[in-house]
PDB file of all heavy atoms in Angstrom:
ATOM      1  N   GLU A   1       0.867  -1.113  -0.014  1.00  0.00           N
ATOM      2  CA  GLU A   1      -0.006  -0.033  -0.001  1.00  0.00           C
ATOM      3  C   GLU A   1       0.920   1.207   0.048  1.00  0.00           C
ATOM      4  O   GLU A   1       1.822   1.346   0.918  1.00  0.00           O
ATOM      5  CB  GLU A   1      -0.848   0.008   1.278  1.00  0.00           C
ATOM      6  CG  GLU A   1      -1.821  -1.121   1.148  1.00  0.00           C
ATOM      7  CD  GLU A   1      -2.729  -1.150   2.402  1.00  0.00           C
ATOM      8  OE1 GLU A   1      -3.117  -0.055   2.906  1.00  0.00           O
ATOM      9  OE2 GLU A   1      -3.136  -2.198   2.788  1.00  0.00           O
ATOM     10  N   ILE A   2       0.621   2.086  -1.021  1.00  0.00           N
ATOM     11  CA  ILE A   2       1.580   3.291  -1.083  1.00  0.00           C
ATOM     12  C   ILE A   2       0.709   4.465  -1.040  1.00  0.00           C
ATOM     13  O   ILE A   2      -0.402   4.533  -1.704  1.00  0.00           O
ATOM     14  CB  ILE A   2       2.222   3.272  -2.481  1.00  0.00           C
ATOM     15  CG1 ILE A   2       3.114   1.939  -2.493  1.00  0.00           C
ATOM     16  CG2 ILE A   2       3.001   4.606  -2.644  1.00  0.00           C
ATOM     17  CD1 ILE A   2       3.820   1.842  -4.010  1.00  0.00           C
ATOM     18  N   LYS A   3       1.033   5.482  -0.214  1.00  0.00           N
ATOM     19  CA  LYS A   3       0.373   6.655  -0.169  1.00  0.00           C
ATOM     20  C   LYS A   3       1.292   7.710  -0.732  1.00  0.00           C
ATOM     21  O   LYS A   3       2.370   7.996  -0.253  1.00  0.00           O
ATOM     22  CB  LYS A   3       0.055   7.054   1.276  1.00  0.00           C
ATOM     23  CG  LYS A   3      -0.622   8.448   1.490  1.00  0.00           C
ATOM     24  CD  LYS A   3      -0.645   8.831   3.012  1.00  0.00           C
ATOM     25  CE  LYS A   3      -1.215  10.206   3.161  1.00  0.00           C
ATOM     26  NZ  LYS A   3      -0.018  11.158   2.975  1.00  0.00           N
ATOM     27  N   LYS A   4       0.800   8.323  -1.792  1.00  0.00           N
ATOM     28  CA  LYS A   4       1.703   9.420  -2.503  1.00  0.00           C
ATOM     29  C   LYS A   4       0.825  10.641  -2.753  1.00  0.00           C
ATOM     30  O   LYS A   4      -0.400  10.458  -3.034  1.00  0.00           O
ATOM     31  CB  LYS A   4       2.314   8.867  -3.731  1.00  0.00           C
ATOM     32  CG  LYS A   4       3.324   7.763  -3.507  1.00  0.00           C
ATOM     33  CD  LYS A   4       4.058   7.448  -4.649  1.00  0.00           C
ATOM     34  CE  LYS A   4       5.046   6.393  -4.458  1.00  0.00           C
ATOM     35  NZ  LYS A   4       5.956   6.230  -5.462  1.00  0.00           N
ATOM     36  N   GLU A   5       1.372  11.740  -2.694  1.00  0.00           N
ATOM     37  CA  GLU A   5       0.691  12.992  -3.027  1.00  0.00           C
ATOM     38  C   GLU A   5       1.365  13.495  -4.268  1.00  0.00           C
ATOM     39  O   GLU A   5       2.474  13.197  -4.568  1.00  0.00           O
ATOM     40  CB  GLU A   5       0.874  13.982  -1.867  1.00  0.00           C
ATOM     41  CG  GLU A   5       0.408  13.485  -0.633  1.00  0.00           C
ATOM     42  CD  GLU A   5       0.572  14.546   0.467  1.00  0.00           C
ATOM     43  OE1 GLU A   5       0.927  15.603   0.260  1.00  0.00           O
ATOM     44  OE2 GLU A   5       0.514  14.057   1.735  1.00  0.00           O
ATOM     45  N   PRO A   6       0.596  14.211  -5.045  1.00  0.00           N
ATOM     46  CA  PRO A   6       1.098  14.861  -6.290  1.00  0.00           C
ATOM     47  C   PRO A   6       2.180  15.831  -5.994  1.00  0.00           C
ATOM     48  O   PRO A   6       2.177  16.502  -5.005  1.00  0.00           O
ATOM     49  CB  PRO A   6      -0.069  15.543  -6.945  1.00  0.00           C
ATOM     50  CG  PRO A   6      -1.169  15.647  -5.927  1.00  0.00           C
ATOM     51  CD  PRO A   6      -0.805  14.650  -4.854  1.00  0.00           C
ATOM     52  N   ALA A   7       3.212  15.784  -6.916  1.00  0.00           N
ATOM     53  CA  ALA A   7       4.372  16.713  -6.751  1.00  0.00           C
ATOM     54  C   ALA A   7       3.870  18.078  -7.036  1.00  0.00           C
ATOM     55  O   ALA A   7       3.021  18.310  -7.922  1.00  0.00           O
ATOM     56  CB  ALA A   7       5.536  16.363  -7.559  1.00  0.00           C
ATOM     57  N   SER A   8       4.456  19.083  -6.301  1.00  0.00           N
ATOM     58  CA  SER A   8       3.983  20.422  -6.626  1.00  0.00           C
ATOM     59  C   SER A   8       5.242  21.283  -7.085  1.00  0.00           C
ATOM     60  O   SER A   8       5.179  22.510  -7.047  1.00  0.00           O
ATOM     61  CB  SER A   8       3.414  21.099  -5.333  1.00  0.00           C
ATOM     62  OG  SER A   8       4.286  21.044  -4.363  1.00  0.00           O
ATOM     63  N   VAL A   9       6.255  20.555  -7.484  1.00  0.00           N
ATOM     64  CA  VAL A   9       7.498  21.386  -7.716  1.00  0.00           C
ATOM     65  C   VAL A   9       7.858  20.943  -9.157  1.00  0.00           C
ATOM     66  O   VAL A   9       7.808  19.802  -9.599  1.00  0.00           O
ATOM     67  CB  VAL A   9       8.703  21.055  -6.749  1.00  0.00           C
ATOM     68  CG1 VAL A   9       8.305  21.642  -5.366  1.00  0.00           C
ATOM     69  CG2 VAL A   9       8.969  19.597  -6.670  1.00  0.00           C
ATOM     70  N   PRO A  10       8.545  21.878  -9.962  1.00  0.00           N
ATOM     71  CA  PRO A  10       8.960  21.514 -11.303  1.00  0.00           C
ATOM     72  C   PRO A  10      10.266  20.715 -11.231  1.00  0.00           C
ATOM     73  O   PRO A  10      11.091  20.809 -10.317  1.00  0.00           O
ATOM     74  CB  PRO A  10       9.184  22.875 -11.906  1.00  0.00           C
ATOM     75  CG  PRO A  10       9.534  23.776 -10.760  1.00  0.00           C
ATOM     76  CD  PRO A  10       8.783  23.177  -9.645  1.00  0.00           C
ATOM     77  N   LEU A  11      10.476  20.025 -12.274  1.00  0.00           N
ATOM     78  CA  LEU A  11      11.766  19.211 -12.353  1.00  0.00           C
ATOM     79  C   LEU A  11      12.909  20.109 -12.925  1.00  0.00           C
ATOM     80  O   LEU A  11      12.625  21.169 -13.728  1.00  0.00           O
ATOM     81  CB  LEU A  11      11.614  18.113 -13.360  1.00  0.00           C
ATOM     82  CG  LEU A  11      10.791  16.912 -12.848  1.00  0.00           C
ATOM     83  CD1 LEU A  11      10.605  15.862 -13.974  1.00  0.00           C
ATOM     84  CD2 LEU A  11      11.305  16.281 -11.808  1.00  0.00           C
ATOM     85  N   MET A  12      14.126  19.865 -12.605  1.00  0.00           N
ATOM     86  CA  MET A  12      15.269  20.534 -13.223  1.00  0.00           C
ATOM     87  C   MET A  12      16.167  19.545 -13.745  1.00  0.00           C
ATOM     88  O   MET A  12      16.200  18.442 -13.253  1.00  0.00           O
ATOM     89  CB  MET A  12      15.988  21.305 -11.944  1.00  0.00           C
ATOM     90  CG  MET A  12      15.232  22.432 -11.362  1.00  0.00           C
ATOM     91  SD  MET A  12      16.160  23.144 -10.058  1.00  0.00           S
ATOM     92  CE  MET A  12      17.391  23.992 -11.076  1.00  0.00           C
ATOM     93  N   ASP A  13      16.742  19.809 -14.855  1.00  0.00           N
ATOM     94  CA  ASP A  13      17.673  18.943 -15.584  1.00  0.00           C
ATOM     95  C   ASP A  13      19.086  19.018 -14.879  1.00  0.00           C
ATOM     96  O   ASP A  13      19.891  19.925 -15.355  1.00  0.00           O
ATOM     97  CB  ASP A  13      17.787  19.115 -16.911  1.00  0.00           C
ATOM     98  CG  ASP A  13      16.506  18.864 -17.633  1.00  0.00           C
ATOM     99  OD1 ASP A  13      15.817  17.926 -17.178  1.00  0.00           O
ATOM    100  OD2 ASP A  13      16.029  19.611 -18.522  1.00  0.00           O
ATOM    101  N   SER A  14      19.326  18.313 -13.902  1.00  0.00           N
ATOM    102  CA  SER A  14      20.741  18.352 -13.214  1.00  0.00           C
ATOM    103  C   SER A  14      21.100  17.013 -12.698  1.00  0.00           C
ATOM    104  O   SER A  14      20.190  16.164 -12.395  1.00  0.00           O
ATOM    105  CB  SER A  14      20.647  19.288 -12.022  1.00  0.00           C
ATOM    106  OG  SER A  14      20.277  20.545 -12.488  1.00  0.00           O
ATOM    107  N   LYS A  15      22.336  16.772 -12.474  1.00  0.00           N
ATOM    108  CA  LYS A  15      22.812  15.490 -11.779  1.00  0.00           C
ATOM    109  C   LYS A  15      22.632  15.770 -10.163  1.00  0.00           C
ATOM    110  O   LYS A  15      22.724  16.920  -9.824  1.00  0.00           O
ATOM    111  CB  LYS A  15      24.268  15.252 -12.018  1.00  0.00           C
ATOM    112  CG  LYS A  15      24.364  14.822 -13.503  1.00  0.00           C
ATOM    113  CD  LYS A  15      25.626  13.834 -13.672  1.00  0.00           C
ATOM    114  CE  LYS A  15      25.629  13.232 -15.057  1.00  0.00           C
ATOM    115  NZ  LYS A  15      25.566  11.905 -15.011  1.00  0.00           N
ATOM    116  N   PRO A  16      22.471  14.718  -9.587  1.00  0.00           N
ATOM    117  CA  PRO A  16      22.222  14.880  -8.063  1.00  0.00           C
ATOM    118  C   PRO A  16      23.452  15.306  -7.417  1.00  0.00           C
ATOM    119  O   PRO A  16      24.594  14.891  -7.806  1.00  0.00           O
ATOM    120  CB  PRO A  16      21.788  13.633  -7.501  1.00  0.00           C
ATOM    121  CG  PRO A  16      22.232  12.550  -8.547  1.00  0.00           C
ATOM    122  CD  PRO A  16      22.204  13.254  -9.882  1.00  0.00           C
ATOM    123  N   GLU A  17      23.467  16.112  -6.399  1.00  0.00           N
ATOM    124  CA  GLU A  17      24.634  16.424  -5.459  1.00  0.00           C
ATOM    125  C   GLU A  17      24.301  16.128  -4.116  1.00  0.00           C
ATOM    126  O   GLU A  17      23.047  16.157  -3.709  1.00  0.00           O
ATOM    127  CB  GLU A  17      24.854  17.969  -5.504  1.00  0.00           C
ATOM    128  CG  GLU A  17      25.054  18.530  -7.026  1.00  0.00           C
ATOM    129  CD  GLU A  17      25.115  20.041  -6.923  1.00  0.00           C
ATOM    130  OE1 GLU A  17      25.594  20.604  -5.853  1.00  0.00           O
ATOM    131  OE2 GLU A  17      24.770  20.682  -7.884  1.00  0.00           O
ATOM    132  N   VAL A  18      25.249  15.783  -3.310  1.00  0.00           N
ATOM    133  CA  VAL A  18      24.924  15.582  -1.899  1.00  0.00           C
ATOM    134  C   VAL A  18      25.283  16.802  -1.163  1.00  0.00           C
ATOM    135  O   VAL A  18      26.529  17.221  -1.185  1.00  0.00           O
ATOM    136  CB  VAL A  18      25.849  14.268  -1.411  1.00  0.00           C
ATOM    137  CG1 VAL A  18      25.596  14.112   0.070  1.00  0.00           C
ATOM    138  CG2 VAL A  18      25.306  13.053  -2.180  1.00  0.00           C
ATOM    139  N   GLY A  19      24.388  17.320  -0.396  1.00  0.00           N
ATOM    140  CA  GLY A  19      24.584  18.597   0.266  1.00  0.00           C
ATOM    141  C   GLY A  19      25.094  18.346   1.751  1.00  0.00           C
ATOM    142  O   GLY A  19      25.048  17.296   2.171  1.00  0.00           O
ATOM    143  N   LYS A  20      25.418  19.467   2.326  1.00  0.00           N
ATOM    144  CA  LYS A  20      25.807  19.426   3.714  1.00  0.00           C
ATOM    145  C   LYS A  20      24.603  19.228   4.606  1.00  0.00           C
ATOM    146  O   LYS A  20      23.505  19.479   4.125  1.00  0.00           O
ATOM    147  CB  LYS A  20      26.644  20.553   4.164  1.00  0.00           C
ATOM    148  CG  LYS A  20      25.858  21.800   3.983  1.00  0.00           C
ATOM    149  CD  LYS A  20      26.684  23.092   4.224  1.00  0.00           C
ATOM    150  CE  LYS A  20      25.809  24.324   4.073  1.00  0.00           C
ATOM    151  NZ  LYS A  20      26.548  25.425   4.009  1.00  0.00           N
ATOM    152  N   LYS A  21      24.762  18.744   5.816  1.00  0.00           N
ATOM    153  CA  LYS A  21      23.654  18.665   6.754  1.00  0.00           C
ATOM    154  C   LYS A  21      22.930  19.937   6.914  1.00  0.00           C
ATOM    155  O   LYS A  21      23.548  21.002   7.060  1.00  0.00           O
ATOM    156  CB  LYS A  21      24.234  18.163   8.107  1.00  0.00           C
ATOM    157  CG  LYS A  21      24.452  16.663   8.138  1.00  0.00           C
ATOM    158  CD  LYS A  21      23.229  15.956   8.587  1.00  0.00           C
ATOM    159  CE  LYS A  21      23.590  14.548   8.755  1.00  0.00           C
ATOM    160  NZ  LYS A  21      22.488  13.662   9.082  1.00  0.00           N
ATOM    161  N   ALA A  22      21.605  19.910   6.883  1.00  0.00           N
ATOM    162  CA  ALA A  22      20.803  21.116   7.070  1.00  0.00           C
ATOM    163  C   ALA A  22      20.508  21.323   8.460  1.00  0.00           C
ATOM    164  O   ALA A  22      20.411  20.327   9.323  1.00  0.00           O
ATOM    165  CB  ALA A  22      19.513  20.962   6.272  1.00  0.00           C
ATOM    166  N   SER A  23      20.198  22.639   8.788  1.00  0.00           N
ATOM    167  CA  SER A  23      19.747  22.864  10.258  1.00  0.00           C
ATOM    168  C   SER A  23      18.272  22.409  10.361  1.00  0.00           C
ATOM    169  O   SER A  23      17.542  22.206   9.381  1.00  0.00           O
ATOM    170  CB  SER A  23      19.922  24.406  10.475  1.00  0.00           C
ATOM    171  OG  SER A  23      18.917  25.041   9.663  1.00  0.00           O
ATOM    172  N   GLN A  24      17.947  22.332  11.602  1.00  0.00           N
ATOM    173  CA  GLN A  24      16.471  21.885  11.945  1.00  0.00           C
ATOM    174  C   GLN A  24      15.549  22.941  11.318  1.00  0.00           C
ATOM    175  O   GLN A  24      14.398  22.554  11.046  1.00  0.00           O
ATOM    176  CB  GLN A  24      16.281  21.865  13.400  1.00  0.00           C
ATOM    177  CG  GLN A  24      16.984  20.640  14.142  1.00  0.00           C
ATOM    178  CD  GLN A  24      16.337  19.351  13.692  1.00  0.00           C
ATOM    179  OE1 GLN A  24      16.447  18.744  12.673  1.00  0.00           O
ATOM    180  NE2 GLN A  24      15.545  18.798  14.632  1.00  0.00           N
ATOM    181  N   GLU A  25      15.814  24.149  11.398  1.00  0.00           N
ATOM    182  CA  GLU A  25      14.871  25.255  10.962  1.00  0.00           C
ATOM    183  C   GLU A  25      14.700  25.266   9.475  1.00  0.00           C
ATOM    184  O   GLU A  25      13.726  25.759   8.944  1.00  0.00           O
ATOM    185  CB  GLU A  25      15.366  26.666  11.295  1.00  0.00           C
ATOM    186  CG  GLU A  25      15.725  26.776  12.822  1.00  0.00           C
ATOM    187  CD  GLU A  25      17.131  26.366  13.134  1.00  0.00           C
ATOM    188  OE1 GLU A  25      18.035  26.780  12.521  1.00  0.00           O
ATOM    189  OE2 GLU A  25      17.287  25.697  14.107  1.00  0.00           O
ATOM    190  N   ASP A  26      15.738  24.847   8.644  1.00  0.00           N
ATOM    191  CA  ASP A  26      15.619  25.006   7.222  1.00  0.00           C
ATOM    192  C   ASP A  26      16.178  23.829   6.511  1.00  0.00           C
ATOM    193  O   ASP A  26      17.333  23.837   6.060  1.00  0.00           O
ATOM    194  CB  ASP A  26      16.317  26.308   6.802  1.00  0.00           C
ATOM    195  CG  ASP A  26      16.207  26.593   5.343  1.00  0.00           C
ATOM    196  OD1 ASP A  26      15.107  26.212   4.773  1.00  0.00           O
ATOM    197  OD2 ASP A  26      17.153  27.145   4.788  1.00  0.00           O
ATOM    198  N   ARG A  27      15.309  22.712   6.500  1.00  0.00           N
ATOM    199  CA  ARG A  27      15.852  21.664   5.774  1.00  0.00           C
ATOM    200  C   ARG A  27      14.729  20.968   4.811  1.00  0.00           C
ATOM    201  O   ARG A  27      13.512  21.224   5.146  1.00  0.00           O
ATOM    202  CB  ARG A  27      16.396  20.557   6.692  1.00  0.00           C
ATOM    203  CG  ARG A  27      15.452  19.796   7.552  1.00  0.00           C
ATOM    204  CD  ARG A  27      16.151  18.890   8.457  1.00  0.00           C
ATOM    205  NE  ARG A  27      15.405  17.928   8.928  1.00  0.00           N
ATOM    206  CZ  ARG A  27      15.782  16.892   9.894  1.00  0.00           C
ATOM    207  NH1 ARG A  27      17.061  16.935  10.263  1.00  0.00           N
ATOM    208  NH2 ARG A  27      14.891  16.111  10.364  1.00  0.00           N
ATOM    209  N   PHE A  28      15.123  20.338   3.892  1.00  0.00           N
ATOM    210  CA  PHE A  28      14.216  19.853   2.861  1.00  0.00           C
ATOM    211  C   PHE A  28      14.620  18.425   2.658  1.00  0.00           C
ATOM    212  O   PHE A  28      15.730  18.026   2.606  1.00  0.00           O
ATOM    213  CB  PHE A  28      14.407  20.580   1.516  1.00  0.00           C
ATOM    214  CG  PHE A  28      13.926  22.030   1.694  1.00  0.00           C
ATOM    215  CD1 PHE A  28      14.977  22.939   2.038  1.00  0.00           C
ATOM    216  CD2 PHE A  28      12.672  22.547   1.535  1.00  0.00           C
ATOM    217  CE1 PHE A  28      14.686  24.334   2.183  1.00  0.00           C
ATOM    218  CE2 PHE A  28      12.371  23.763   1.716  1.00  0.00           C
ATOM    219  CZ  PHE A  28      13.408  24.782   1.949  1.00  0.00           C
ATOM    220  N   SER A  29      13.569  17.571   2.353  1.00  0.00           N
ATOM    221  CA  SER A  29      13.731  16.105   2.016  1.00  0.00           C
ATOM    222  C   SER A  29      12.806  15.804   0.847  1.00  0.00           C
ATOM    223  O   SER A  29      11.955  16.582   0.557  1.00  0.00           O
ATOM    224  CB  SER A  29      13.481  15.130   3.150  1.00  0.00           C
ATOM    225  OG  SER A  29      14.408  15.463   4.222  1.00  0.00           O
ATOM    226  N   ILE A  30      13.020  14.711   0.232  1.00  0.00           N
ATOM    227  CA  ILE A  30      12.290  14.133  -0.842  1.00  0.00           C
ATOM    228  C   ILE A  30      11.570  12.982  -0.283  1.00  0.00           C
ATOM    229  O   ILE A  30      12.158  12.026   0.187  1.00  0.00           O
ATOM    230  CB  ILE A  30      13.032  13.781  -2.083  1.00  0.00           C
ATOM    231  CG1 ILE A  30      13.910  14.989  -2.560  1.00  0.00           C
ATOM    232  CG2 ILE A  30      12.317  13.149  -3.158  1.00  0.00           C
ATOM    233  CD1 ILE A  30      14.976  14.656  -3.456  1.00  0.00           C
ATOM    234  N   GLN A  31      10.140  13.068  -0.344  1.00  0.00           N
ATOM    235  CA  GLN A  31       9.337  11.891   0.028  1.00  0.00           C
ATOM    236  C   GLN A  31       9.182  11.023  -1.247  1.00  0.00           C
ATOM    237  O   GLN A  31       8.618  11.480  -2.116  1.00  0.00           O
ATOM    238  CB  GLN A  31       8.140  12.210   0.599  1.00  0.00           C
ATOM    239  CG  GLN A  31       7.327  11.017   1.193  1.00  0.00           C
ATOM    240  CD  GLN A  31       6.409  11.177   2.303  1.00  0.00           C
ATOM    241  OE1 GLN A  31       6.591  11.924   3.232  1.00  0.00           O
ATOM    242  NE2 GLN A  31       5.306  10.386   2.248  1.00  0.00           N
ATOM    243  N   VAL A  32       9.659   9.841  -1.121  1.00  0.00           N
ATOM    244  CA  VAL A  32       9.595   8.911  -2.260  1.00  0.00           C
ATOM    245  C   VAL A  32       8.307   7.944  -2.173  1.00  0.00           C
ATOM    246  O   VAL A  32       7.606   7.749  -3.187  1.00  0.00           O
ATOM    247  CB  VAL A  32      10.879   8.095  -2.294  1.00  0.00           C
ATOM    248  CG1 VAL A  32      10.798   7.137  -3.623  1.00  0.00           C
ATOM    249  CG2 VAL A  32      12.030   8.848  -2.424  1.00  0.00           C
ATOM    250  N   ALA A  33       8.140   7.477  -0.936  1.00  0.00           N
ATOM    251  CA  ALA A  33       6.802   6.586  -0.741  1.00  0.00           C
ATOM    252  C   ALA A  33       6.468   6.514   0.733  1.00  0.00           C
ATOM    253  O   ALA A  33       7.272   6.927   1.552  1.00  0.00           O
ATOM    254  CB  ALA A  33       7.106   5.276  -1.372  1.00  0.00           C
ATOM    255  N   SER A  34       5.238   6.088   0.945  1.00  0.00           N
ATOM    256  CA  SER A  34       4.853   5.804   2.314  1.00  0.00           C
ATOM    257  C   SER A  34       4.097   4.471   2.328  1.00  0.00           C
ATOM    258  O   SER A  34       3.220   4.220   1.590  1.00  0.00           O
ATOM    259  CB  SER A  34       3.876   6.972   2.766  1.00  0.00           C
ATOM    260  OG  SER A  34       3.344   6.758   4.059  1.00  0.00           O
ATOM    261  N   TYR A  35       4.596   3.614   3.288  1.00  0.00           N
ATOM    262  CA  TYR A  35       4.056   2.272   3.311  1.00  0.00           C
ATOM    263  C   TYR A  35       3.525   1.879   4.590  1.00  0.00           C
ATOM    264  O   TYR A  35       4.006   2.516   5.640  1.00  0.00           O
ATOM    265  CB  TYR A  35       5.196   1.218   3.029  1.00  0.00           C
ATOM    266  CG  TYR A  35       5.795   1.309   1.687  1.00  0.00           C
ATOM    267  CD1 TYR A  35       7.107   1.980   1.485  1.00  0.00           C
ATOM    268  CD2 TYR A  35       5.201   0.731   0.545  1.00  0.00           C
ATOM    269  CE1 TYR A  35       7.624   1.911   0.288  1.00  0.00           C
ATOM    270  CE2 TYR A  35       5.773   0.809  -0.742  1.00  0.00           C
ATOM    271  CZ  TYR A  35       7.058   1.435  -0.845  1.00  0.00           C
ATOM    272  OH  TYR A  35       7.567   1.469  -1.963  1.00  0.00           O
ATOM    273  N   ARG A  36       2.555   0.956   4.733  1.00  0.00           N
ATOM    274  CA  ARG A  36       2.136   0.474   5.990  1.00  0.00           C
ATOM    275  C   ARG A  36       3.036  -0.609   6.466  1.00  0.00           C
ATOM    276  O   ARG A  36       3.099  -0.946   7.741  1.00  0.00           O
ATOM    277  CB  ARG A  36       0.771   0.000   5.978  1.00  0.00           C
ATOM    278  CG  ARG A  36      -0.185   1.034   5.802  1.00  0.00           C
ATOM    279  CD  ARG A  36      -1.609   0.571   5.924  1.00  0.00           C
ATOM    280  NE  ARG A  36      -2.552   1.683   5.657  1.00  0.00           N
ATOM    281  CZ  ARG A  36      -3.860   1.486   5.815  1.00  0.00           C
ATOM    282  NH1 ARG A  36      -4.419   0.317   6.056  1.00  0.00           N
ATOM    283  NH2 ARG A  36      -4.739   2.542   5.635  1.00  0.00           N
ATOM    284  N   GLY A  37       3.883  -1.231   5.593  1.00  0.00           N
ATOM    285  CA  GLY A  37       4.713  -2.327   5.994  1.00  0.00           C
ATOM    286  C   GLY A  37       6.162  -1.879   5.927  1.00  0.00           C
ATOM    287  O   GLY A  37       6.575  -1.380   4.975  1.00  0.00           O
ATOM    288  N   ASN A  38       6.861  -2.105   7.051  1.00  0.00           N
ATOM    289  CA  ASN A  38       8.202  -1.697   7.224  1.00  0.00           C
ATOM    290  C   ASN A  38       9.120  -2.317   6.176  1.00  0.00           C
ATOM    291  O   ASN A  38      10.135  -1.799   5.769  1.00  0.00           O
ATOM    292  CB  ASN A  38       8.671  -1.948   8.625  1.00  0.00           C
ATOM    293  CG  ASN A  38      10.056  -1.435   8.939  1.00  0.00           C
ATOM    294  OD1 ASN A  38      10.487  -0.416   8.387  1.00  0.00           O
ATOM    295  ND2 ASN A  38      10.755  -2.106   9.858  1.00  0.00           N
ATOM    296  N   HIS A  39       8.803  -3.656   5.799  1.00  0.00           N
ATOM    297  CA  HIS A  39       9.696  -4.340   4.963  1.00  0.00           C
ATOM    298  C   HIS A  39       9.712  -3.788   3.582  1.00  0.00           C
ATOM    299  O   HIS A  39      10.890  -3.709   2.933  1.00  0.00           O
ATOM    300  CB  HIS A  39       9.470  -5.842   4.880  1.00  0.00           C
ATOM    301  CG  HIS A  39       8.008  -6.152   4.402  1.00  0.00           C
ATOM    302  ND1 HIS A  39       6.954  -6.048   5.178  1.00  0.00           N
ATOM    303  CD2 HIS A  39       7.634  -6.565   3.183  1.00  0.00           C
ATOM    304  CE1 HIS A  39       5.840  -6.373   4.573  1.00  0.00           C
ATOM    305  NE2 HIS A  39       6.188  -6.795   3.260  1.00  0.00           N
TER     306      HIS A  39
END
């Protein structure tokens, strides 16, 4: 079971970069999926 919401951001044509750790006040993550089963 997957719970996903529609994306609200445009795509950019770039290769991924790994950023430095973000502060608690200003950090962003990407939600890929949400499951009821941990496995």
